[in-house]
Amino acid sequence: MISPGKLMAMAKKWQKMAGIGRRRKICLPRDKNSSRLADKGHFVVYSMDKRRFMVPLSYLSSTIFIELLRMSEEEFGLPRDGPITLPFDSAAIEYMVSVVGT
């Protein structure tokens, strides 16, 4: 039987080995006034031209946004560690947000 100390040391070593090559950087332009995190009750999506949109969570019940997210999944796949990018330019996303918001 392995001692708990040795088991912990092996687990830490395996975690380090598994983490090698996992360092990913996401370089998206941000405004100085935008923060990394979304405000409470919001989520963040990006347009194809790398513009950031903070959208209320209540929009997720809209069929328009559900379809937008489905289209994003088809175009780019599911983002595991990066931002959600919608396959539209910023003008189109602004229009869709205004339609859902009314």
PDB file of N, CA and C in Angstrom:
ATOM      1  N   MET A   1       0.835  -1.163   0.000  1.00  0.00           N
ATOM      2  CA  MET A   1       0.000   0.000   0.000  1.00  0.00           C
ATOM      3  C   MET A   1       0.896   1.247   0.000  1.00  0.00           C
ATOM      4  N   ILE A   2       0.488   2.282  -0.760  1.00  0.00           N
ATOM      5  CA  ILE A   2       1.263   3.518  -0.881  1.00  0.00           C
ATOM      6  C   ILE A   2       0.848   4.469   0.231  1.00  0.00           C
ATOM      7  N   SER A   3       1.833   5.130   0.793  1.00  0.00           N
ATOM      8  CA  SER A   3       1.536   6.092   1.865  1.00  0.00           C
ATOM      9  C   SER A   3       0.807   7.305   1.286  1.00  0.00           C
ATOM     10  N   PRO A   4      -0.005   7.968   2.093  1.00  0.00           N
ATOM     11  CA  PRO A   4      -0.733   9.153   1.607  1.00  0.00           C
ATOM     12  C   PRO A   4       0.186  10.256   1.090  1.00  0.00           C
ATOM     13  N   GLY A   5       1.336  10.420   1.693  1.00  0.00           N
ATOM     14  CA  GLY A   5       2.298  11.431   1.252  1.00  0.00           C
ATOM     15  C   GLY A   5       2.814  11.147  -0.150  1.00  0.00           C
ATOM     16  N   LYS A   6       3.177   9.881  -0.406  1.00  0.00           N
ATOM     17  CA  LYS A   6       3.652   9.501  -1.739  1.00  0.00           C
ATOM     18  C   LYS A   6       2.538   9.634  -2.766  1.00  0.00           C
ATOM     19  N   LEU A   7       1.334   9.266  -2.380  1.00  0.00           N
ATOM     20  CA  LEU A   7       0.188   9.365  -3.283  1.00  0.00           C
ATOM     21  C   LEU A   7      -0.067  10.818  -3.674  1.00  0.00           C
ATOM     22  N   MET A   8       0.032  11.729  -2.709  1.00  0.00           N
ATOM     23  CA  MET A   8      -0.155  13.150  -2.998  1.00  0.00           C
ATOM     24  C   MET A   8       0.943  13.674  -3.922  1.00  0.00           C
ATOM     25  N   ALA A   9       2.177  13.241  -3.674  1.00  0.00           N
ATOM     26  CA  ALA A   9       3.295  13.675  -4.516  1.00  0.00           C
ATOM     27  C   ALA A   9       3.118  13.178  -5.943  1.00  0.00           C
ATOM     28  N   MET A  10       2.676  11.944  -6.105  1.00  0.00           N
ATOM     29  CA  MET A  10       2.438  11.399  -7.456  1.00  0.00           C
ATOM     30  C   MET A  10       1.316  12.152  -8.154  1.00  0.00           C
ATOM     31  N   ALA A  11       0.265  12.474  -7.415  1.00  0.00           N
ATOM     32  CA  ALA A  11      -0.863  13.196  -8.008  1.00  0.00           C
ATOM     33  C   ALA A  11      -0.422  14.582  -8.479  1.00  0.00           C
ATOM     34  N   LYS A  12       0.382  15.288  -7.682  1.00  0.00           N
ATOM     35  CA  LYS A  12       0.875  16.604  -8.074  1.00  0.00           C
ATOM     36  C   LYS A  12       1.763  16.508  -9.307  1.00  0.00           C
ATOM     37  N   LYS A  13       2.596  15.492  -9.361  1.00  0.00           N
ATOM     38  CA  LYS A  13       3.478  15.296 -10.514  1.00  0.00           C
ATOM     39  C   LYS A  13       2.652  15.031 -11.771  1.00  0.00           C
ATOM     40  N   TRP A  14       1.624  14.218 -11.679  1.00  0.00           N
ATOM     41  CA  TRP A  14       0.767  13.921 -12.826  1.00  0.00           C
ATOM     42  C   TRP A  14       0.008  15.172 -13.281  1.00  0.00           C
ATOM     43  N   GLN A  15      -0.426  15.986 -12.320  1.00  0.00           N
ATOM     44  CA  GLN A  15      -1.113  17.225 -12.679  1.00  0.00           C
ATOM     45  C   GLN A  15      -0.183  18.166 -13.429  1.00  0.00           C
ATOM     46  N   LYS A  16       1.070  18.263 -12.981  1.00  0.00           N
ATOM     47  CA  LYS A  16       2.038  19.102 -13.680  1.00  0.00           C
ATOM     48  C   LYS A  16       2.279  18.587 -15.093  1.00  0.00           C
ATOM     49  N   MET A  17       2.434  17.271 -15.224  1.00  0.00           N
ATOM     50  CA  MET A  17       2.692  16.685 -16.536  1.00  0.00           C
ATOM     51  C   MET A  17       1.494  16.876 -17.466  1.00  0.00           C
ATOM     52  N   ALA A  18       0.309  16.760 -16.921  1.00  0.00           N
ATOM     53  CA  ALA A  18      -0.891  16.939 -17.731  1.00  0.00           C
ATOM     54  C   ALA A  18      -1.062  18.397 -18.136  1.00  0.00           C
ATOM     55  N   GLY A  19      -0.571  19.319 -17.319  1.00  0.00           N
ATOM     56  CA  GLY A  19      -0.706  20.745 -17.606  1.00  0.00           C
ATOM     57  C   GLY A  19       0.291  21.276 -18.615  1.00  0.00           C
ATOM     58  N   ILE A  20       1.356  20.517 -18.904  1.00  0.00           N
ATOM     59  CA  ILE A  20       2.346  20.958 -19.883  1.00  0.00           C
ATOM     60  C   ILE A  20       1.689  21.017 -21.251  1.00  0.00           C
ATOM     61  N   GLY A  21       1.868  22.112 -21.942  1.00  0.00           N
ATOM     62  CA  GLY A  21       1.288  22.270 -23.268  1.00  0.00           C
ATOM     63  C   GLY A  21      -0.151  22.734 -23.248  1.00  0.00           C
ATOM     64  N   ARG A  22      -0.705  22.961 -22.077  1.00  0.00           N
ATOM     65  CA  ARG A  22      -2.095  23.395 -21.976  1.00  0.00           C
ATOM     66  C   ARG A  22      -2.225  24.905 -21.891  1.00  0.00           C
ATOM     67  N   ARG A  23      -1.136  25.578 -21.818  1.00  0.00           N
ATOM     68  CA  ARG A  23      -1.221  27.026 -21.665  1.00  0.00           C
ATOM     69  C   ARG A  23      -1.712  27.630 -22.963  1.00  0.00           C
ATOM     70  N   ARG A  24      -2.863  28.244 -22.860  1.00  0.00           N
ATOM     71  CA  ARG A  24      -3.476  28.852 -24.033  1.00  0.00           C
ATOM     72  C   ARG A  24      -3.691  30.326 -23.750  1.00  0.00           C
ATOM     73  N   LYS A  25      -3.462  31.121 -24.748  1.00  0.00           N
ATOM     74  CA  LYS A  25      -3.719  32.545 -24.622  1.00  0.00           C
ATOM     75  C   LYS A  25      -4.808  32.920 -25.604  1.00  0.00           C
ATOM     76  N   ILE A  26      -5.719  33.718 -25.133  1.00  0.00           N
ATOM     77  CA  ILE A  26      -6.761  34.253 -25.984  1.00  0.00           C
ATOM     78  C   ILE A  26      -6.499  35.741 -26.088  1.00  0.00           C
ATOM     79  N   CYS A  27      -6.159  36.175 -27.263  1.00  0.00           N
ATOM     80  CA  CYS A  27      -5.823  37.580 -27.453  1.00  0.00           C
ATOM     81  C   CYS A  27      -6.942  38.252 -28.229  1.00  0.00           C
ATOM     82  N   LEU A  28      -7.808  38.894 -27.507  1.00  0.00           N
ATOM     83  CA  LEU A  28      -8.879  39.645 -28.126  1.00  0.00           C
ATOM     84  C   LEU A  28      -8.763  41.091 -27.684  1.00  0.00           C
ATOM     85  N   PRO A  29      -8.937  42.014 -28.615  1.00  0.00           N
ATOM     86  CA  PRO A  29      -8.852  43.412 -28.208  1.00  0.00           C
ATOM     87  C   PRO A  29      -9.989  43.763 -27.264  1.00  0.00           C
ATOM     88  N   ARG A  30      -9.652  44.487 -26.208  1.00  0.00           N
ATOM     89  CA  ARG A  30     -10.669  44.912 -25.245  1.00  0.00           C
ATOM     90  C   ARG A  30     -10.531  46.400 -25.038  1.00  0.00           C
ATOM     91  N   ASP A  31     -11.641  47.028 -24.764  1.00  0.00           N
ATOM     92  CA  ASP A  31     -11.612  48.424 -24.392  1.00  0.00           C
ATOM     93  C   ASP A  31     -11.035  48.542 -22.990  1.00  0.00           C
ATOM     94  N   LYS A  32     -10.494  49.698 -22.675  1.00  0.00           N
ATOM     95  CA  LYS A  32      -9.951  49.882 -21.334  1.00  0.00           C
ATOM     96  C   LYS A  32     -11.036  49.867 -20.278  1.00  0.00           C
ATOM     97  N   ASN A  33     -12.275  50.240 -20.671  1.00  0.00           N
ATOM     98  CA  ASN A  33     -13.352  50.281 -19.690  1.00  0.00           C
ATOM     99  C   ASN A  33     -14.096  48.954 -19.567  1.00  0.00           C
ATOM    100  N   SER A  34     -13.743  47.960 -20.367  1.00  0.00           N
ATOM    101  CA  SER A  34     -14.411  46.658 -20.248  1.00  0.00           C
ATOM    102  C   SER A  34     -13.609  45.750 -19.323  1.00  0.00           C
ATOM    103  N   SER A  35     -14.297  45.024 -18.494  1.00  0.00           N
ATOM    104  CA  SER A  35     -13.614  44.131 -17.569  1.00  0.00           C
ATOM    105  C   SER A  35     -13.590  42.727 -18.147  1.00  0.00           C
ATOM    106  N   ARG A  36     -12.825  41.863 -17.531  1.00  0.00           N
ATOM    107  CA  ARG A  36     -12.731  40.480 -17.994  1.00  0.00           C
ATOM    108  C   ARG A  36     -14.030  39.728 -17.761  1.00  0.00           C
ATOM    109  N   LEU A  37     -14.656  39.984 -16.641  1.00  0.00           N
ATOM    110  CA  LEU A  37     -15.847  39.253 -16.270  1.00  0.00           C
ATOM    111  C   LEU A  37     -17.096  40.006 -16.682  1.00  0.00           C
ATOM    112  N   ALA A  38     -18.122  39.252 -16.945  1.00  0.00           N
ATOM    113  CA  ALA A  38     -19.411  39.859 -17.259  1.00  0.00           C
ATOM    114  C   ALA A  38     -20.061  40.332 -15.966  1.00  0.00           C
ATOM    115  N   ASP A  39     -20.908  41.323 -16.095  1.00  0.00           N
ATOM    116  CA  ASP A  39     -21.668  41.784 -14.930  1.00  0.00           C
ATOM    117  C   ASP A  39     -22.599  40.674 -14.472  1.00  0.00           C
ATOM    118  N   LYS A  40     -23.061  40.777 -13.257  1.00  0.00           N
ATOM    119  CA  LYS A  40     -23.974  39.783 -12.716  1.00  0.00           C
ATOM    120  C   LYS A  40     -25.244  39.746 -13.565  1.00  0.00           C
ATOM    121  N   GLY A  41     -25.661  38.547 -13.960  1.00  0.00           N
ATOM    122  CA  GLY A  41     -26.862  38.380 -14.762  1.00  0.00           C
ATOM    123  C   GLY A  41     -26.631  38.565 -16.253  1.00  0.00           C
ATOM    124  N   HIS A  42     -25.363  38.553 -16.691  1.00  0.00           N
ATOM    125  CA  HIS A  42     -25.029  38.729 -18.095  1.00  0.00           C
ATOM    126  C   HIS A  42     -24.033  37.666 -18.543  1.00  0.00           C
ATOM    127  N   PHE A  43     -23.909  37.486 -19.854  1.00  0.00           N
ATOM    128  CA  PHE A  43     -22.854  36.662 -20.422  1.00  0.00           C
ATOM    129  C   PHE A  43     -22.237  37.430 -21.580  1.00  0.00           C
ATOM    130  N   VAL A  44     -21.051  37.023 -21.996  1.00  0.00           N
ATOM    131  CA  VAL A  44     -20.307  37.761 -23.014  1.00  0.00           C
ATOM    132  C   VAL A  44     -20.190  36.916 -24.276  1.00  0.00           C
ATOM    133  N   VAL A  45     -20.431  37.554 -25.412  1.00  0.00           N
ATOM    134  CA  VAL A  45     -20.194  36.945 -26.723  1.00  0.00           C
ATOM    135  C   VAL A  45     -19.349  37.923 -27.537  1.00  0.00           C
ATOM    136  N   TYR A  46     -18.668  37.397 -28.535  1.00  0.00           N
ATOM    137  CA  TYR A  46     -17.852  38.210 -29.423  1.00  0.00           C
ATOM    138  C   TYR A  46     -18.366  38.071 -30.844  1.00  0.00           C
ATOM    139  N   SER A  47     -18.197  39.134 -31.618  1.00  0.00           N
ATOM    140  CA  SER A  47     -18.562  39.097 -33.032  1.00  0.00           C
ATOM    141  C   SER A  47     -17.354  38.626 -33.841  1.00  0.00           C
ATOM    142  N   MET A  48     -17.560  38.431 -35.129  1.00  0.00           N
ATOM    143  CA  MET A  48     -16.455  37.999 -35.989  1.00  0.00           C
ATOM    144  C   MET A  48     -15.353  39.056 -36.053  1.00  0.00           C
ATOM    145  N   ASP A  49     -15.722  40.322 -35.906  1.00  0.00           N
ATOM    146  CA  ASP A  49     -14.712  41.378 -35.925  1.00  0.00           C
ATOM    147  C   ASP A  49     -14.185  41.692 -34.521  1.00  0.00           C
ATOM    148  N   LYS A  50     -14.322  40.713 -33.611  1.00  0.00           N
ATOM    149  CA  LYS A  50     -13.741  40.728 -32.261  1.00  0.00           C
ATOM    150  C   LYS A  50     -14.325  41.797 -31.343  1.00  0.00           C
ATOM    151  N   ARG A  51     -15.546  42.227 -31.589  1.00  0.00           N
ATOM    152  CA  ARG A  51     -16.200  43.188 -30.698  1.00  0.00           C
ATOM    153  C   ARG A  51     -16.925  42.425 -29.595  1.00  0.00           C
ATOM    154  N   ARG A  52     -16.845  42.947 -28.387  1.00  0.00           N
ATOM    155  CA  ARG A  52     -17.383  42.272 -27.203  1.00  0.00           C
ATOM    156  C   ARG A  52     -18.782  42.782 -26.904  1.00  0.00           C
ATOM    157  N   PHE A  53     -19.713  41.841 -26.648  1.00  0.00           N
ATOM    158  CA  PHE A  53     -21.082  42.182 -26.303  1.00  0.00           C
ATOM    159  C   PHE A  53     -21.440  41.522 -24.983  1.00  0.00           C
ATOM    160  N   MET A  54     -21.965  42.301 -24.047  1.00  0.00           N
ATOM    161  CA  MET A  54     -22.449  41.766 -22.790  1.00  0.00           C
ATOM    162  C   MET A  54     -23.970  41.674 -22.894  1.00  0.00           C
ATOM    163  N   VAL A  55     -24.484  40.460 -22.796  1.00  0.00           N
ATOM    164  CA  VAL A  55     -25.891  40.181 -23.069  1.00  0.00           C
ATOM    165  C   VAL A  55     -26.562  39.670 -21.790  1.00  0.00           C
ATOM    166  N   PRO A  56     -27.771  40.149 -21.481  1.00  0.00           N
ATOM    167  CA  PRO A  56     -28.472  39.647 -20.289  1.00  0.00           C
ATOM    168  C   PRO A  56     -28.810  38.152 -20.417  1.00  0.00           C
ATOM    169  N   LEU A  57     -28.738  37.449 -19.306  1.00  0.00           N
ATOM    170  CA  LEU A  57     -29.048  36.014 -19.306  1.00  0.00           C
ATOM    171  C   LEU A  57     -30.494  35.741 -19.726  1.00  0.00           C
ATOM    172  N   SER A  58     -31.376  36.698 -19.519  1.00  0.00           N
ATOM    173  CA  SER A  58     -32.776  36.495 -19.896  1.00  0.00           C
ATOM    174  C   SER A  58     -32.939  36.299 -21.405  1.00  0.00           C
ATOM    175  N   TYR A  59     -31.960  36.755 -22.195  1.00  0.00           N
ATOM    176  CA  TYR A  59     -32.033  36.582 -23.645  1.00  0.00           C
ATOM    177  C   TYR A  59     -31.857  35.119 -24.057  1.00  0.00           C
ATOM    178  N   LEU A  60     -31.346  34.286 -23.150  1.00  0.00           N
ATOM    179  CA  LEU A  60     -31.151  32.873 -23.485  1.00  0.00           C
ATOM    180  C   LEU A  60     -32.472  32.137 -23.679  1.00  0.00           C
ATOM    181  N   SER A  61     -33.562  32.709 -23.201  1.00  0.00           N
ATOM    182  CA  SER A  61     -34.867  32.079 -23.413  1.00  0.00           C
ATOM    183  C   SER A  61     -35.467  32.474 -24.759  1.00  0.00           C
ATOM    184  N   SER A  62     -34.822  33.391 -25.462  1.00  0.00           N
ATOM    185  CA  SER A  62     -35.300  33.836 -26.763  1.00  0.00           C
ATOM    186  C   SER A  62     -34.900  32.830 -27.848  1.00  0.00           C
ATOM    187  N   THR A  63     -35.824  32.528 -28.736  1.00  0.00           N
ATOM    188  CA  THR A  63     -35.507  31.587 -29.822  1.00  0.00           C
ATOM    189  C   THR A  63     -34.451  32.153 -30.762  1.00  0.00           C
ATOM    190  N   ILE A  64     -34.390  33.473 -30.888  1.00  0.00           N
ATOM    191  CA  ILE A  64     -33.369  34.086 -31.746  1.00  0.00           C
ATOM    192  C   ILE A  64     -31.975  33.796 -31.199  1.00  0.00           C
ATOM    193  N   PHE A  65     -31.772  33.998 -29.897  1.00  0.00           N
ATOM    194  CA  PHE A  65     -30.454  33.756 -29.321  1.00  0.00           C
ATOM    195  C   PHE A  65     -30.113  32.270 -29.279  1.00  0.00           C
ATOM    196  N   ILE A  66     -31.097  31.446 -29.068  1.00  0.00           N
ATOM    197  CA  ILE A  66     -30.840  29.996 -29.094  1.00  0.00           C
ATOM    198  C   ILE A  66     -30.331  29.600 -30.475  1.00  0.00           C
ATOM    199  N   GLU A  67     -30.950  30.145 -31.512  1.00  0.00           N
ATOM    200  CA  GLU A  67     -30.520  29.833 -32.876  1.00  0.00           C
ATOM    201  C   GLU A  67     -29.142  30.427 -33.176  1.00  0.00           C
ATOM    202  N   LEU A  68     -28.860  31.617 -32.664  1.00  0.00           N
ATOM    203  CA  LEU A  68     -27.526  32.211 -32.843  1.00  0.00           C
ATOM    204  C   LEU A  68     -26.440  31.337 -32.223  1.00  0.00           C
ATOM    205  N   LEU A  69     -26.698  30.853 -31.024  1.00  0.00           N
ATOM    206  CA  LEU A  69     -25.724  29.983 -30.356  1.00  0.00           C
ATOM    207  C   LEU A  69     -25.580  28.656 -31.093  1.00  0.00           C
ATOM    208  N   ARG A  70     -26.654  28.157 -31.641  1.00  0.00           N
ATOM    209  CA  ARG A  70     -26.592  26.923 -32.427  1.00  0.00           C
ATOM    210  C   ARG A  70     -25.745  27.140 -33.690  1.00  0.00           C
ATOM    211  N   MET A  71     -25.927  28.287 -34.334  1.00  0.00           N
ATOM    212  CA  MET A  71     -25.131  28.603 -35.524  1.00  0.00           C
ATOM    213  C   MET A  71     -23.653  28.758 -35.167  1.00  0.00           C
ATOM    214  N   SER A  72     -23.377  29.358 -34.016  1.00  0.00           N
ATOM    215  CA  SER A  72     -22.002  29.494 -33.566  1.00  0.00           C
ATOM    216  C   SER A  72     -21.363  28.131 -33.324  1.00  0.00           C
ATOM    217  N   GLU A  73     -22.131  27.227 -32.744  1.00  0.00           N
ATOM    218  CA  GLU A  73     -21.626  25.871 -32.499  1.00  0.00           C
ATOM    219  C   GLU A  73     -21.307  25.167 -33.808  1.00  0.00           C
ATOM    220  N   GLU A  74     -22.164  25.323 -34.815  1.00  0.00           N
ATOM    221  CA  GLU A  74     -21.916  24.695 -36.112  1.00  0.00           C
ATOM    222  C   GLU A  74     -20.685  25.280 -36.788  1.00  0.00           C
ATOM    223  N   GLU A  75     -20.505  26.590 -36.657  1.00  0.00           N
ATOM    224  CA  GLU A  75     -19.404  27.277 -37.326  1.00  0.00           C
ATOM    225  C   GLU A  75     -18.061  27.033 -36.645  1.00  0.00           C
ATOM    226  N   PHE A  76     -18.023  27.162 -35.317  1.00  0.00           N
ATOM    227  CA  PHE A  76     -16.759  27.140 -34.586  1.00  0.00           C
ATOM    228  C   PHE A  76     -16.610  25.969 -33.626  1.00  0.00           C
ATOM    229  N   GLY A  77     -17.659  25.210 -33.389  1.00  0.00           N
ATOM    230  CA  GLY A  77     -17.615  24.161 -32.386  1.00  0.00           C
ATOM    231  C   GLY A  77     -17.883  24.736 -31.009  1.00  0.00           C
ATOM    232  N   LEU A  78     -17.904  23.881 -30.015  1.00  0.00           N
ATOM    233  CA  LEU A  78     -18.158  24.334 -28.645  1.00  0.00           C
ATOM    234  C   LEU A  78     -16.874  24.874 -28.033  1.00  0.00           C
ATOM    235  N   PRO A  79     -16.886  26.108 -27.522  1.00  0.00           N
ATOM    236  CA  PRO A  79     -15.673  26.650 -26.902  1.00  0.00           C
ATOM    237  C   PRO A  79     -15.470  26.042 -25.515  1.00  0.00           C
ATOM    238  N   ARG A  80     -14.344  25.376 -25.326  1.00  0.00           N
ATOM    239  CA  ARG A  80     -14.083  24.768 -24.027  1.00  0.00           C
ATOM    240  C   ARG A  80     -13.402  25.736 -23.080  1.00  0.00           C
ATOM    241  N   ASP A  81     -12.523  26.563 -23.606  1.00  0.00           N
ATOM    242  CA  ASP A  81     -11.802  27.471 -22.722  1.00  0.00           C
ATOM    243  C   ASP A  81     -11.663  28.868 -23.318  1.00  0.00           C
ATOM    244  N   GLY A  82     -12.413  29.133 -24.339  1.00  0.00           N
ATOM    245  CA  GLY A  82     -12.341  30.445 -24.967  1.00  0.00           C
ATOM    246  C   GLY A  82     -13.696  31.109 -25.015  1.00  0.00           C
ATOM    247  N   PRO A  83     -13.750  32.262 -25.638  1.00  0.00           N
ATOM    248  CA  PRO A  83     -15.009  33.000 -25.691  1.00  0.00           C
ATOM    249  C   PRO A  83     -15.973  32.413 -26.722  1.00  0.00           C
ATOM    250  N   ILE A  84     -17.238  32.730 -26.552  1.00  0.00           N
ATOM    251  CA  ILE A  84     -18.254  32.361 -27.540  1.00  0.00           C
ATOM    252  C   ILE A  84     -18.205  33.412 -28.633  1.00  0.00           C
ATOM    253  N   THR A  85     -18.002  32.979 -29.861  1.00  0.00           N
ATOM    254  CA  THR A  85     -17.960  33.886 -30.998  1.00  0.00           C
ATOM    255  C   THR A  85     -19.146  33.588 -31.892  1.00  0.00           C
ATOM    256  N   LEU A  86     -19.926  34.617 -32.176  1.00  0.00           N
ATOM    257  CA  LEU A  86     -21.074  34.467 -33.065  1.00  0.00           C
ATOM    258  C   LEU A  86     -20.625  34.753 -34.495  1.00  0.00           C
ATOM    259  N   PRO A  87     -21.132  33.998 -35.472  1.00  0.00           N
ATOM    260  CA  PRO A  87     -20.658  34.137 -36.853  1.00  0.00           C
ATOM    261  C   PRO A  87     -21.278  35.322 -37.590  1.00  0.00           C
ATOM    262  N   PHE A  88     -21.253  36.499 -36.976  1.00  0.00           N
ATOM    263  CA  PHE A  88     -21.799  37.714 -37.571  1.00  0.00           C
ATOM    264  C   PHE A  88     -20.896  38.884 -37.224  1.00  0.00           C
ATOM    265  N   ASP A  89     -21.004  39.959 -38.002  1.00  0.00           N
ATOM    266  CA  ASP A  89     -20.260  41.162 -37.653  1.00  0.00           C
ATOM    267  C   ASP A  89     -21.004  41.918 -36.553  1.00  0.00           C
ATOM    268  N   SER A  90     -20.360  42.938 -36.028  1.00  0.00           N
ATOM    269  CA  SER A  90     -20.916  43.635 -34.870  1.00  0.00           C
ATOM    270  C   SER A  90     -22.230  44.350 -35.193  1.00  0.00           C
ATOM    271  N   ALA A  91     -22.394  44.863 -36.415  1.00  0.00           N
ATOM    272  CA  ALA A  91     -23.635  45.549 -36.774  1.00  0.00           C
ATOM    273  C   ALA A  91     -24.825  44.592 -36.735  1.00  0.00           C
ATOM    274  N   ALA A  92     -24.632  43.382 -37.237  1.00  0.00           N
ATOM    275  CA  ALA A  92     -25.714  42.390 -37.232  1.00  0.00           C
ATOM    276  C   ALA A  92     -26.072  41.978 -35.802  1.00  0.00           C
ATOM    277  N   ILE A  93     -25.078  41.802 -34.959  1.00  0.00           N
ATOM    278  CA  ILE A  93     -25.346  41.414 -33.573  1.00  0.00           C
ATOM    279  C   ILE A  93     -26.040  42.545 -32.834  1.00  0.00           C
ATOM    280  N   GLU A  94     -25.636  43.789 -33.060  1.00  0.00           N
ATOM    281  CA  GLU A  94     -26.337  44.922 -32.446  1.00  0.00           C
ATOM    282  C   GLU A  94     -27.798  44.940 -32.837  1.00  0.00           C
ATOM    283  N   TYR A  95     -28.077  44.669 -34.106  1.00  0.00           N
ATOM    284  CA  TYR A  95     -29.472  44.635 -34.569  1.00  0.00           C
ATOM    285  C   TYR A  95     -30.238  43.521 -33.876  1.00  0.00           C
ATOM    286  N   MET A  96     -29.652  42.321 -33.803  1.00  0.00           N
ATOM    287  CA  MET A  96     -30.344  41.181 -33.187  1.00  0.00           C
ATOM    288  C   MET A  96     -30.580  41.421 -31.698  1.00  0.00           C
ATOM    289  N   VAL A  97     -29.625  42.035 -31.015  1.00  0.00           N
ATOM    290  CA  VAL A  97     -29.802  42.346 -29.596  1.00  0.00           C
ATOM    291  C   VAL A  97     -30.939  43.352 -29.431  1.00  0.00           C
ATOM    292  N   SER A  98     -31.011  44.331 -30.329  1.00  0.00           N
ATOM    293  CA  SER A  98     -32.084  45.321 -30.221  1.00  0.00           C
ATOM    294  C   SER A  98     -33.449  44.691 -30.504  1.00  0.00           C
ATOM    295  N   VAL A  99     -33.511  43.722 -31.420  1.00  0.00           N
ATOM    296  CA  VAL A  99     -34.777  43.041 -31.707  1.00  0.00           C
ATOM    297  C   VAL A  99     -35.230  42.217 -30.504  1.00  0.00           C
ATOM    298  N   VAL A 100     -34.304  41.490 -29.897  1.00  0.00           N
ATOM    299  CA  VAL A 100     -34.647  40.656 -28.745  1.00  0.00           C
ATOM    300  C   VAL A 100     -35.001  41.527 -27.552  1.00  0.00           C
ATOM    301  N   GLY A 101     -34.330  42.666 -27.405  1.00  0.00           N
ATOM    302  CA  GLY A 101     -34.547  43.534 -26.251  1.00  0.00           C
ATOM    303  C   GLY A 101     -35.871  44.277 -26.259  1.00  0.00           C
ATOM    304  N   THR A 102     -36.538  44.338 -27.401  1.00  0.00           N
ATOM    305  CA  THR A 102     -37.816  45.070 -27.454  1.00  0.00           C
ATOM    306  C   THR A 102     -39.002  44.192 -27.142  1.00  0.00           C
TER     307      THR A 102
END
